[in-house]
Amino acid sequence: MQSVLPYVLALLPTVGVTWLFFVIIRNILEGDRRERIAVAKWEAEREAEAPNNSGDKSQQHT
């Protein structure tokens, strides 16, 4: 067991940094997903509140 311990201790910082990287990237992606959902919901609400004049502009000129 004593001969394995130095190797485990040498790999511990790498495992810790890898775990930290994983947690940070996961939180960034989750935040981005939530932000996209919120923006889509906000745009849908704005579109529902606006009068129905979002038709094709080329049809309005004819």
Protein backbone atom coordinates (compact mmCIF):
# COMPACT_ATOMS: atom_id res chain seq x y z
CA MET A 1 0.00 0.00 0.00
CA GLN A 2 2.86 2.37 0.74
CA SER A 3 4.26 1.97 -2.75
CA VAL A 4 0.90 2.96 -4.32
CA LEU A 5 0.25 6.01 -2.15
CA PRO A 6 2.76 8.34 -3.87
CA TYR A 7 1.19 7.57 -7.25
CA VAL A 8 -2.32 8.22 -5.95
CA LEU A 9 -1.19 11.49 -4.37
CA ALA A 10 0.51 12.48 -7.63
CA LEU A 11 -2.71 11.90 -9.60
CA LEU A 12 -4.97 13.61 -7.05
CA PRO A 13 -4.42 17.19 -8.32
CA THR A 14 -5.13 16.11 -11.90
CA VAL A 15 -8.35 14.39 -10.85
CA GLY A 16 -9.36 17.44 -8.79
CA VAL A 17 -8.75 19.89 -11.63
CA THR A 18 -10.59 17.61 -14.05
CA TRP A 19 -13.58 17.43 -11.70
CA LEU A 20 -13.54 21.22 -11.24
CA PHE A 21 -13.42 21.74 -15.03
CA PHE A 22 -16.34 19.35 -15.48
CA VAL A 23 -18.44 21.15 -12.86
CA ILE A 24 -17.72 24.58 -14.35
CA ILE A 25 -18.50 23.52 -17.92
CA ARG A 26 -21.67 21.72 -16.82
CA ASN A 27 -22.87 24.86 -15.01
CA ILE A 28 -22.07 27.06 -18.01
CA LEU A 29 -24.02 24.78 -20.35
CA GLU A 30 -26.95 24.50 -17.94
CA GLY A 31 -27.05 28.27 -17.53
CA ASP A 32 -27.00 28.73 -21.29
CA ARG A 33 -29.86 26.26 -21.67
CA ARG A 34 -31.93 28.08 -19.05
CA GLU A 35 -31.14 31.43 -20.67
CA ARG A 36 -32.29 30.21 -24.10
CA ILE A 37 -35.53 28.91 -22.59
CA ALA A 38 -36.13 32.22 -20.81
CA VAL A 39 -35.45 34.25 -23.96
CA ALA A 40 -37.76 32.05 -26.03
CA LYS A 41 -40.50 32.42 -23.41
CA TRP A 42 -40.00 36.19 -23.28
CA GLU A 43 -40.14 36.47 -27.08
CA ALA A 44 -43.31 34.36 -27.19
CA GLU A 45 -44.93 36.60 -24.58
CA ARG A 46 -43.93 39.74 -26.48
CA GLU A 47 -45.27 38.27 -29.71
CA ALA A 48 -48.56 37.34 -28.04
CA GLU A 49 -48.93 40.87 -26.59
CA ALA A 50 -48.15 42.68 -29.85
CA PRO A 51 -50.94 43.41 -32.34
CA ASN A 52 -51.01 41.01 -35.25
CA ASN A 53 -49.00 43.12 -37.69
CA SER A 54 -46.09 40.76 -38.03
CA GLY A 55 -47.18 39.63 -41.51
CA ASP A 56 -44.92 39.56 -44.52
CA LYS A 57 -43.81 43.10 -45.34
CA SER A 58 -43.97 42.45 -49.09
CA GLN A 59 -47.69 41.73 -48.77
CA GLN A 60 -48.27 45.03 -46.95
CA HIS A 61 -46.92 47.07 -49.89
CA THR A 62 -49.26 45.53 -52.49
